[in-house]
Protein backbone atom coordinates (compact mmCIF):
# COMPACT_ATOMS: atom_id res chain seq x y z
CA UNK A 1 0.00 0.00 0.00
CA UNK A 2 2.84 2.37 0.88
CA UNK A 3 4.60 1.69 -2.43
CA UNK A 4 1.42 2.41 -4.41
CA UNK A 5 0.99 5.79 -2.68
CA UNK A 6 4.55 6.77 -3.61
CA UNK A 7 3.52 7.30 -7.23
CA UNK A 8 1.04 10.01 -6.23
CA UNK A 9 2.10 13.67 -6.17
CA UNK A 10 3.72 14.65 -2.86
CA UNK A 11 1.35 16.46 -0.51
CA UNK A 12 1.43 16.73 3.26
CA UNK A 13 -1.99 15.06 3.38
CA UNK A 14 -0.67 12.05 1.44
CA UNK A 15 2.42 11.95 3.63
CA UNK A 16 0.33 11.91 6.82
CA UNK A 17 -1.83 9.12 5.45
CA UNK A 18 1.27 7.07 4.64
CA UNK A 19 2.79 7.76 8.06
CA UNK A 20 -0.44 6.65 9.71
CA UNK A 21 -0.19 3.35 7.85
CA UNK A 22 3.45 2.87 8.85
CA UNK A 23 3.40 4.20 12.44
CA UNK A 24 -0.20 4.09 13.56
CA UNK A 25 -2.70 6.76 14.42
CA UNK A 26 -1.22 9.55 16.53
CA UNK A 27 2.26 8.01 16.64
CA UNK A 28 3.98 10.59 14.45
CA UNK A 29 4.02 14.27 13.62
CA UNK A 30 4.72 15.80 10.23
CA UNK A 31 5.10 19.45 9.32
CA UNK A 32 6.51 21.40 6.41
CA UNK A 33 8.50 24.58 6.95
CA UNK A 34 7.88 26.13 3.54
CA UNK A 35 10.34 29.03 3.69
CA UNK A 36 13.19 26.70 4.71
CA UNK A 37 12.17 23.87 2.35
CA UNK A 38 12.26 21.57 5.36
CA UNK A 39 10.15 18.50 6.15
CA UNK A 40 10.01 17.81 9.90
CA UNK A 41 8.87 14.30 10.86
CA UNK A 42 8.86 12.86 14.37
CA UNK A 43 8.14 9.19 15.08
CA UNK A 44 6.75 8.37 18.54
CA UNK A 45 8.63 5.97 20.79
CA UNK A 46 5.73 3.52 20.51
CA UNK A 47 6.35 3.28 16.76
CA UNK A 48 10.15 3.11 17.01
CA UNK A 49 10.20 -0.13 15.01
CA UNK A 50 8.83 1.79 12.00
CA UNK A 51 11.59 4.42 12.06
CA UNK A 52 13.78 2.76 9.39
CA UNK A 53 10.79 2.24 7.09
CA UNK A 54 9.80 5.89 7.49
CA UNK A 55 13.35 7.00 6.70
CA UNK A 56 13.46 4.93 3.50
CA UNK A 57 9.99 6.08 2.45
CA UNK A 58 10.85 9.76 2.98
CA UNK A 59 14.01 9.34 0.92
CA UNK A 60 11.92 8.02 -1.96
CA UNK A 61 8.93 10.37 -1.95
CA UNK A 62 10.14 13.72 -0.55
CA UNK A 63 11.07 16.30 -3.17
CA UNK A 64 14.82 16.54 -3.77
CA UNK A 65 14.90 20.22 -2.80
CA UNK A 66 13.55 19.55 0.71
CA UNK A 67 15.67 18.89 3.78
CA UNK A 68 14.35 15.90 5.71
CA UNK A 69 14.47 16.38 9.49
CA UNK A 70 13.54 12.96 10.92
CA UNK A 71 13.93 11.87 14.53
CA UNK A 72 12.20 10.07 17.38
CA UNK A 73 9.68 11.93 19.51
CA UNK A 74 11.18 11.39 22.95
CA UNK A 75 9.33 11.75 26.25
CA UNK A 76 8.58 15.34 27.09
CA UNK A 77 7.92 17.24 30.30
CA UNK A 78 4.15 16.79 30.08
CA UNK A 79 4.66 13.00 30.32
CA UNK A 80 7.51 12.99 32.81
CA UNK A 81 5.95 15.73 34.96
CA UNK A 82 3.36 13.28 36.29
CA UNK A 83 6.09 11.39 38.18
CA UNK A 84 7.51 12.35 41.54
CA UNK A 85 11.20 13.01 42.04
CA UNK A 86 11.46 9.74 43.97
CA UNK A 87 9.97 7.76 41.09
CA UNK A 88 12.25 9.43 38.55
CA UNK A 89 15.28 8.74 40.76
CA UNK A 90 14.56 5.01 40.34
CA UNK A 91 15.03 5.31 36.58
CA UNK A 92 18.11 6.05 34.52
CA UNK A 93 18.25 9.09 32.23
CA UNK A 94 18.04 6.71 29.28
CA UNK A 95 14.84 5.13 30.64
CA UNK A 96 13.25 8.50 31.33
CA UNK A 97 13.98 9.72 27.81
CA UNK A 98 13.66 6.55 25.73
CA UNK A 99 11.10 4.27 27.41
CA UNK A 100 7.47 4.38 26.43
CA UNK A 101 5.64 5.84 29.42
CA UNK A 102 1.99 5.12 28.78
CA UNK A 103 -0.78 6.57 30.95
CA UNK A 104 1.79 7.55 33.53
CA UNK A 105 2.91 3.95 34.01
CA UNK A 106 6.20 2.21 33.42
CA UNK A 107 7.24 -1.40 33.88
CA UNK A 108 8.73 -2.06 37.34
CA UNK A 109 7.95 1.44 38.58
CA UNK A 110 5.19 3.08 40.57
CA UNK A 111 2.62 5.03 38.65
CA UNK A 112 2.39 8.73 39.53
CA UNK A 113 -0.87 8.00 41.43
CA UNK A 114 0.92 5.61 43.81
CA UNK A 115 3.42 8.20 45.09
C-alpha atoms as a PDB file:
ATOM      1  CA  UNK A   1       0.000   0.000   0.000  1.00  0.00           C
ATOM      2  CA  UNK A   2       2.840   2.374   0.881  1.00  0.00           C
ATOM      3  CA  UNK A   3       4.603   1.687  -2.432  1.00  0.00           C
ATOM      4  CA  UNK A   4       1.419   2.411  -4.412  1.00  0.00           C
ATOM      5  CA  UNK A   5       0.993   5.787  -2.683  1.00  0.00           C
ATOM      6  CA  UNK A   6       4.550   6.769  -3.610  1.00  0.00           C
ATOM      7  CA  UNK A   7       3.523   7.303  -7.225  1.00  0.00           C
ATOM      8  CA  UNK A   8       1.042  10.009  -6.228  1.00  0.00           C
ATOM      9  CA  UNK A   9       2.096  13.669  -6.166  1.00  0.00           C
ATOM     10  CA  UNK A  10       3.716  14.650  -2.865  1.00  0.00           C
ATOM     11  CA  UNK A  11       1.353  16.465  -0.513  1.00  0.00           C
ATOM     12  CA  UNK A  12       1.428  16.731   3.263  1.00  0.00           C
ATOM     13  CA  UNK A  13      -1.995  15.064   3.379  1.00  0.00           C
ATOM     14  CA  UNK A  14      -0.675  12.050   1.439  1.00  0.00           C
ATOM     15  CA  UNK A  15       2.417  11.953   3.629  1.00  0.00           C
ATOM     16  CA  UNK A  16       0.330  11.914   6.820  1.00  0.00           C
ATOM     17  CA  UNK A  17      -1.834   9.118   5.454  1.00  0.00           C
ATOM     18  CA  UNK A  18       1.269   7.066   4.638  1.00  0.00           C
ATOM     19  CA  UNK A  19       2.786   7.764   8.059  1.00  0.00           C
ATOM     20  CA  UNK A  20      -0.438   6.654   9.713  1.00  0.00           C
ATOM     21  CA  UNK A  21      -0.190   3.346   7.854  1.00  0.00           C
ATOM     22  CA  UNK A  22       3.451   2.869   8.849  1.00  0.00           C
ATOM     23  CA  UNK A  23       3.398   4.199  12.437  1.00  0.00           C
ATOM     24  CA  UNK A  24      -0.196   4.085  13.565  1.00  0.00           C
ATOM     25  CA  UNK A  25      -2.702   6.761  14.423  1.00  0.00           C
ATOM     26  CA  UNK A  26      -1.221   9.551  16.533  1.00  0.00           C
ATOM     27  CA  UNK A  27       2.259   8.008  16.640  1.00  0.00           C
ATOM     28  CA  UNK A  28       3.978  10.588  14.450  1.00  0.00           C
ATOM     29  CA  UNK A  29       4.018  14.274  13.624  1.00  0.00           C
ATOM     30  CA  UNK A  30       4.715  15.797  10.226  1.00  0.00           C
ATOM     31  CA  UNK A  31       5.102  19.448   9.320  1.00  0.00           C
ATOM     32  CA  UNK A  32       6.510  21.400   6.405  1.00  0.00           C
ATOM     33  CA  UNK A  33       8.505  24.583   6.950  1.00  0.00           C
ATOM     34  CA  UNK A  34       7.879  26.132   3.539  1.00  0.00           C
ATOM     35  CA  UNK A  35      10.339  29.032   3.695  1.00  0.00           C
ATOM     36  CA  UNK A  36      13.192  26.703   4.709  1.00  0.00           C
ATOM     37  CA  UNK A  37      12.174  23.873   2.348  1.00  0.00           C
ATOM     38  CA  UNK A  38      12.255  21.570   5.355  1.00  0.00           C
ATOM     39  CA  UNK A  39      10.155  18.504   6.147  1.00  0.00           C
ATOM     40  CA  UNK A  40      10.007  17.811   9.898  1.00  0.00           C
ATOM     41  CA  UNK A  41       8.867  14.301  10.861  1.00  0.00           C
ATOM     42  CA  UNK A  42       8.861  12.863  14.374  1.00  0.00           C
ATOM     43  CA  UNK A  43       8.136   9.195  15.085  1.00  0.00           C
ATOM     44  CA  UNK A  44       6.746   8.367  18.536  1.00  0.00           C
ATOM     45  CA  UNK A  45       8.633   5.972  20.790  1.00  0.00           C
ATOM     46  CA  UNK A  46       5.730   3.521  20.515  1.00  0.00           C
ATOM     47  CA  UNK A  47       6.349   3.277  16.762  1.00  0.00           C
ATOM     48  CA  UNK A  48      10.150   3.110  17.009  1.00  0.00           C
ATOM     49  CA  UNK A  49      10.199  -0.130  15.007  1.00  0.00           C
ATOM     50  CA  UNK A  50       8.829   1.790  11.998  1.00  0.00           C
ATOM     51  CA  UNK A  51      11.594   4.421  12.059  1.00  0.00           C
ATOM     52  CA  UNK A  52      13.778   2.764   9.394  1.00  0.00           C
ATOM     53  CA  UNK A  53      10.789   2.241   7.092  1.00  0.00           C
ATOM     54  CA  UNK A  54       9.799   5.893   7.494  1.00  0.00           C
ATOM     55  CA  UNK A  55      13.351   6.998   6.699  1.00  0.00           C
ATOM     56  CA  UNK A  56      13.458   4.931   3.505  1.00  0.00           C
ATOM     57  CA  UNK A  57       9.991   6.075   2.452  1.00  0.00           C
ATOM     58  CA  UNK A  58      10.847   9.764   2.981  1.00  0.00           C
ATOM     59  CA  UNK A  59      14.007   9.341   0.921  1.00  0.00           C
ATOM     60  CA  UNK A  60      11.924   8.023  -1.958  1.00  0.00           C
ATOM     61  CA  UNK A  61       8.929  10.374  -1.949  1.00  0.00           C
ATOM     62  CA  UNK A  62      10.141  13.718  -0.551  1.00  0.00           C
ATOM     63  CA  UNK A  63      11.070  16.296  -3.173  1.00  0.00           C
ATOM     64  CA  UNK A  64      14.816  16.535  -3.766  1.00  0.00           C
ATOM     65  CA  UNK A  65      14.899  20.220  -2.803  1.00  0.00           C
ATOM     66  CA  UNK A  66      13.547  19.548   0.709  1.00  0.00           C
ATOM     67  CA  UNK A  67      15.668  18.890   3.776  1.00  0.00           C
ATOM     68  CA  UNK A  68      14.346  15.898   5.710  1.00  0.00           C
ATOM     69  CA  UNK A  69      14.474  16.376   9.493  1.00  0.00           C
ATOM     70  CA  UNK A  70      13.543  12.961  10.925  1.00  0.00           C
ATOM     71  CA  UNK A  71      13.928  11.867  14.534  1.00  0.00           C
ATOM     72  CA  UNK A  72      12.197  10.067  17.383  1.00  0.00           C
ATOM     73  CA  UNK A  73       9.681  11.928  19.508  1.00  0.00           C
ATOM     74  CA  UNK A  74      11.175  11.386  22.953  1.00  0.00           C
ATOM     75  CA  UNK A  75       9.327  11.752  26.255  1.00  0.00           C
ATOM     76  CA  UNK A  76       8.575  15.345  27.087  1.00  0.00           C
ATOM     77  CA  UNK A  77       7.924  17.238  30.301  1.00  0.00           C
ATOM     78  CA  UNK A  78       4.145  16.786  30.081  1.00  0.00           C
ATOM     79  CA  UNK A  79       4.663  13.004  30.316  1.00  0.00           C
ATOM     80  CA  UNK A  80       7.511  12.989  32.812  1.00  0.00           C
ATOM     81  CA  UNK A  81       5.953  15.727  34.960  1.00  0.00           C
ATOM     82  CA  UNK A  82       3.360  13.277  36.290  1.00  0.00           C
ATOM     83  CA  UNK A  83       6.089  11.395  38.177  1.00  0.00           C
ATOM     84  CA  UNK A  84       7.514  12.350  41.545  1.00  0.00           C
ATOM     85  CA  UNK A  85      11.196  13.012  42.036  1.00  0.00           C
ATOM     86  CA  UNK A  86      11.460   9.735  43.974  1.00  0.00           C
ATOM     87  CA  UNK A  87       9.971   7.763  41.087  1.00  0.00           C
ATOM     88  CA  UNK A  88      12.248   9.426  38.550  1.00  0.00           C
ATOM     89  CA  UNK A  89      15.277   8.736  40.756  1.00  0.00           C
ATOM     90  CA  UNK A  90      14.565   5.005  40.343  1.00  0.00           C
ATOM     91  CA  UNK A  91      15.031   5.305  36.576  1.00  0.00           C
ATOM     92  CA  UNK A  92      18.115   6.046  34.517  1.00  0.00           C
ATOM     93  CA  UNK A  93      18.246   9.087  32.235  1.00  0.00           C
ATOM     94  CA  UNK A  94      18.040   6.714  29.276  1.00  0.00           C
ATOM     95  CA  UNK A  95      14.836   5.130  30.637  1.00  0.00           C
ATOM     96  CA  UNK A  96      13.250   8.503  31.330  1.00  0.00           C
ATOM     97  CA  UNK A  97      13.983   9.718  27.809  1.00  0.00           C
ATOM     98  CA  UNK A  98      13.658   6.547  25.725  1.00  0.00           C
ATOM     99  CA  UNK A  99      11.102   4.272  27.405  1.00  0.00           C
ATOM    100  CA  UNK A 100       7.471   4.375  26.426  1.00  0.00           C
ATOM    101  CA  UNK A 101       5.639   5.837  29.420  1.00  0.00           C
ATOM    102  CA  UNK A 102       1.985   5.117  28.783  1.00  0.00           C
ATOM    103  CA  UNK A 103      -0.780   6.572  30.951  1.00  0.00           C
ATOM    104  CA  UNK A 104       1.788   7.545  33.531  1.00  0.00           C
ATOM    105  CA  UNK A 105       2.909   3.949  34.015  1.00  0.00           C
ATOM    106  CA  UNK A 106       6.197   2.211  33.416  1.00  0.00           C
ATOM    107  CA  UNK A 107       7.242  -1.403  33.881  1.00  0.00           C
ATOM    108  CA  UNK A 108       8.725  -2.064  37.344  1.00  0.00           C
ATOM    109  CA  UNK A 109       7.955   1.441  38.575  1.00  0.00           C
ATOM    110  CA  UNK A 110       5.185   3.083  40.566  1.00  0.00           C
ATOM    111  CA  UNK A 111       2.624   5.029  38.648  1.00  0.00           C
ATOM    112  CA  UNK A 112       2.389   8.725  39.531  1.00  0.00           C
ATOM    113  CA  UNK A 113      -0.866   7.995  41.427  1.00  0.00           C
ATOM    114  CA  UNK A 114       0.923   5.614  43.811  1.00  0.00           C
ATOM    115  CA  UNK A 115       3.418   8.197  45.088  1.00  0.00           C
END
